[in-house]
Amino acid sequence: ADGDIYDGYWKDDKAHGFGQYTHTDGAQYEGYWVDDKQHGTGKEHWPDGAQYEGNYKHGKKDGVGKFHWADKSSYEGDFIDNNIHGNGTYRWADNRQYEGEWNNNKMHGMGVFTWADGRKYDGEYYDDKKQGHGVFTWPDNRQYDGYWMNGKQEGVGIYYNQKGEVRYGKWQNGKRVNWINKEEYEQAASQM
């Protein structure tokens, strides 16, 4: 005996049906089992305060669920094979939030990222970085509407100042290279 405890239904000498499992380190799972693996809905708690509630498939988080980490960050949305994958909302302990598409625990696809100070990015992500088209808004209402690469402005974009006045420009590696006219912008944007 290893000290772990299972209290629940059995089938062919395996946990099967509803049951509660307590590991010697204090971690607990309460929910449904199939052939000794978590399968169906359940709740899991760890000694550090982290907890998960949602769906399991063949012993892994799979389907819709809510995960709360010990550092007070949380995620609510889709899981596949123990990974954040699909659509969901992640909230960091410092009040940053991302709501959108995920791929293997990374922001990937369309999403909206907000910061506690009022900054906001609404656009495309690739491998956890802003990439493709997106709109970044500052708390003072300035806005960049354009293209991104590796998390930085790249290519052409439209810049709106606090008064809503429009400027067209080219950016490289997160820095504005120069201002351009609307026709130059439209020509370059059509090729992006």
Protein backbone atom coordinates (compact mmCIF):
# COMPACT_ATOMS: atom_id res chain seq x y z
CA ALA A 1 0.00 0.00 0.00
CA ASP A 2 1.36 3.38 -0.98
CA GLY A 3 -0.85 5.41 1.36
CA ASP A 4 -3.14 6.79 -1.36
CA ILE A 5 -6.86 6.36 -0.68
CA TYR A 6 -9.70 5.70 -3.11
CA ASP A 7 -13.29 5.69 -1.90
CA GLY A 8 -15.81 4.91 -4.60
CA TYR A 9 -17.15 2.48 -7.15
CA TRP A 10 -15.12 -0.31 -8.70
CA LYS A 11 -15.42 -2.50 -11.77
CA ASP A 12 -13.05 -5.37 -12.54
CA ASP A 13 -10.74 -4.21 -9.74
CA LYS A 14 -10.45 -0.69 -11.21
CA ALA A 15 -11.93 2.66 -10.14
CA HIS A 16 -15.07 2.98 -12.25
CA GLY A 17 -17.98 5.33 -11.63
CA PHE A 18 -18.04 8.05 -9.00
CA GLY A 19 -15.23 8.14 -6.47
CA GLN A 20 -12.82 10.21 -4.42
CA TYR A 21 -9.05 9.77 -4.57
CA THR A 22 -6.62 11.29 -2.05
CA HIS A 23 -2.90 11.20 -2.75
CA THR A 24 -0.41 10.98 0.14
CA ASP A 25 0.75 14.56 -0.66
CA GLY A 26 -2.80 15.84 0.00
CA ALA A 27 -3.91 16.25 -3.63
CA GLN A 28 -7.52 15.14 -4.15
CA TYR A 29 -9.79 14.27 -7.04
CA GLU A 30 -13.52 13.80 -6.71
CA GLY A 31 -15.49 12.79 -9.77
CA TYR A 32 -16.03 10.10 -12.34
CA TRP A 33 -13.66 7.30 -13.33
CA VAL A 34 -13.42 4.78 -16.15
CA ASP A 35 -10.85 1.96 -15.99
CA ASP A 36 -8.81 3.63 -13.20
CA LYS A 37 -8.64 6.99 -15.06
CA GLN A 38 -10.45 10.26 -14.44
CA HIS A 39 -13.17 10.40 -17.08
CA GLY A 40 -16.22 12.67 -17.12
CA THR A 41 -16.74 15.56 -14.72
CA GLY A 42 -14.64 16.06 -11.65
CA LYS A 43 -12.85 18.40 -9.24
CA GLU A 44 -9.17 18.34 -8.38
CA HIS A 45 -7.43 20.18 -5.50
CA TRP A 46 -3.71 20.45 -4.73
CA PRO A 47 -2.00 21.26 -1.41
CA ASP A 48 -0.74 24.63 -2.73
CA GLY A 49 -4.35 25.83 -3.22
CA ALA A 50 -4.60 25.23 -6.96
CA GLN A 51 -7.83 23.64 -8.17
CA TYR A 52 -9.51 22.45 -11.34
CA GLU A 53 -13.15 21.73 -12.02
CA GLY A 54 -14.35 20.41 -15.34
CA ASN A 55 -14.19 17.56 -17.80
CA TYR A 56 -11.66 14.75 -18.03
CA LYS A 57 -11.00 12.21 -20.73
CA HIS A 58 -8.77 9.15 -20.21
CA GLY A 59 -7.14 10.69 -17.12
CA LYS A 60 -6.47 14.16 -18.58
CA LYS A 61 -8.22 17.52 -18.50
CA ASP A 62 -10.21 17.54 -21.72
CA GLY A 63 -13.28 19.60 -22.58
CA VAL A 64 -14.54 22.66 -20.73
CA GLY A 65 -13.05 23.48 -17.35
CA LYS A 66 -11.93 26.09 -14.81
CA PHE A 67 -8.39 26.11 -13.41
CA HIS A 68 -7.36 28.36 -10.50
CA TRP A 69 -3.64 28.47 -9.69
CA ALA A 70 -2.14 29.15 -6.27
CA ASP A 71 -0.84 32.56 -7.48
CA LYS A 72 -4.50 33.65 -8.04
CA SER A 73 -4.34 33.46 -11.84
CA SER A 74 -7.12 31.49 -13.53
CA TYR A 75 -8.31 30.07 -16.82
CA GLU A 76 -11.81 29.18 -17.90
CA GLY A 77 -12.41 27.51 -21.22
CA ASP A 78 -11.38 24.59 -23.40
CA PHE A 79 -8.74 21.97 -22.60
CA ILE A 80 -7.40 19.16 -24.77
CA ASP A 81 -5.03 16.49 -23.47
CA ASN A 82 -4.18 18.51 -20.29
CA ASN A 83 -3.41 21.66 -22.33
CA ILE A 84 -5.22 24.98 -22.65
CA HIS A 85 -6.47 24.59 -26.21
CA GLY A 86 -9.49 26.08 -28.00
CA ASN A 87 -11.33 29.14 -26.70
CA GLY A 88 -11.04 30.56 -23.22
CA THR A 89 -10.20 33.38 -20.85
CA TYR A 90 -6.98 33.57 -18.82
CA ARG A 91 -6.74 36.10 -15.98
CA TRP A 92 -3.39 36.86 -14.38
CA ALA A 93 -3.08 37.83 -10.71
CA ASP A 94 -2.08 41.39 -11.75
CA ASN A 95 -5.46 41.82 -13.57
CA ARG A 96 -4.20 41.32 -17.10
CA GLN A 97 -6.62 39.24 -19.16
CA TYR A 98 -6.62 37.43 -22.49
CA GLU A 99 -9.84 36.18 -24.01
CA GLY A 100 -9.59 34.27 -27.25
CA GLU A 101 -8.11 31.32 -29.04
CA TRP A 102 -5.40 29.03 -27.61
CA ASN A 103 -3.12 26.34 -29.03
CA ASN A 104 -1.13 24.10 -26.65
CA ASN A 105 -1.08 26.60 -23.75
CA LYS A 106 -0.24 29.58 -25.99
CA MET A 107 -2.33 32.50 -27.23
CA HIS A 108 -2.84 31.61 -30.87
CA GLY A 109 -5.50 32.93 -33.24
CA MET A 110 -7.88 35.82 -32.58
CA GLY A 111 -8.03 37.36 -29.13
CA VAL A 112 -8.36 40.40 -26.92
CA PHE A 113 -5.67 41.19 -24.33
CA THR A 114 -6.37 43.88 -21.71
CA TRP A 115 -4.12 45.39 -19.06
CA ALA A 116 -5.19 46.83 -15.70
CA ASP A 117 -4.00 50.30 -16.78
CA GLY A 118 -6.48 50.39 -19.68
CA ARG A 119 -4.27 49.26 -22.57
CA LYS A 120 -5.93 46.84 -24.97
CA TYR A 121 -4.91 44.74 -27.96
CA ASP A 122 -7.57 43.20 -30.20
CA GLY A 123 -6.23 41.05 -32.99
CA GLU A 124 -4.24 38.06 -34.12
CA TYR A 125 -1.74 36.02 -32.11
CA TYR A 126 0.75 33.44 -33.21
CA ASP A 127 2.68 31.29 -30.72
CA ASP A 128 1.96 33.65 -27.77
CA LYS A 129 2.89 36.86 -29.67
CA LYS A 130 0.93 39.55 -31.50
CA GLN A 131 1.21 38.65 -35.17
CA GLY A 132 -0.92 39.56 -38.16
CA HIS A 133 -3.46 42.36 -37.98
CA GLY A 134 -4.37 43.97 -34.69
CA VAL A 135 -5.53 47.14 -32.99
CA PHE A 136 -3.66 48.43 -29.93
CA THR A 137 -5.36 51.14 -27.85
CA TRP A 138 -3.68 53.18 -25.10
CA PRO A 139 -5.56 54.57 -22.05
CA ASP A 140 -5.35 58.12 -23.51
CA ASN A 141 -7.25 56.89 -26.63
CA ARG A 142 -4.25 56.80 -28.96
CA GLN A 143 -4.52 53.83 -31.26
CA TYR A 144 -2.43 51.79 -33.69
CA ASP A 145 -4.40 49.79 -36.25
CA GLY A 146 -2.03 47.72 -38.34
CA TYR A 147 0.28 44.77 -38.70
CA TRP A 148 2.44 42.94 -36.16
CA MET A 149 5.29 40.47 -36.24
CA ASN A 150 6.80 38.69 -33.21
CA GLY A 151 4.86 40.92 -30.81
CA LYS A 152 5.91 44.25 -32.37
CA GLN A 153 4.43 46.62 -34.95
CA GLU A 154 5.71 45.63 -38.38
CA GLY A 155 4.65 46.91 -41.80
CA VAL A 156 2.01 49.55 -42.36
CA GLY A 157 -0.50 50.88 -39.91
CA ILE A 158 -2.84 53.70 -39.08
CA TYR A 159 -2.08 55.82 -36.03
CA TYR A 160 -4.80 57.85 -34.30
CA ASN A 161 -3.70 60.48 -31.78
CA GLN A 162 -5.67 61.52 -28.68
CA LYS A 163 -7.77 63.92 -30.79
CA GLY A 164 -8.63 61.19 -33.30
CA GLU A 165 -6.43 62.67 -36.03
CA VAL A 166 -5.18 60.05 -38.51
CA ARG A 167 -1.61 59.40 -39.70
CA TYR A 168 -0.44 56.55 -41.90
CA GLY A 169 2.95 55.04 -41.33
CA LYS A 170 5.45 52.23 -41.75
CA TRP A 171 6.80 50.37 -38.71
CA GLN A 172 9.73 48.04 -38.34
CA ASN A 173 10.56 46.00 -35.25
CA GLY A 174 8.13 48.04 -33.14
CA LYS A 175 9.38 51.49 -34.20
CA ARG A 176 7.87 53.89 -36.70
CA VAL A 177 10.17 54.27 -39.70
CA ASN A 178 8.29 57.11 -41.42
CA TRP A 179 4.90 58.62 -42.13
CA ILE A 180 3.34 57.88 -45.52
CA ASN A 181 0.28 59.13 -47.38
CA LYS A 182 -3.03 57.30 -47.57
CA GLU A 183 -2.41 56.00 -51.11
CA GLU A 184 0.96 54.51 -50.11
CA TYR A 185 -0.71 52.92 -47.09
CA GLU A 186 -3.53 51.41 -49.15
CA GLN A 187 -1.10 50.00 -51.71
CA ALA A 188 1.14 48.45 -49.03
CA ALA A 189 -1.82 47.14 -46.98
CA SER A 190 -3.29 45.40 -50.04
CA GLN A 191 -0.07 43.37 -50.27
CA MET A 192 0.01 42.30 -46.60
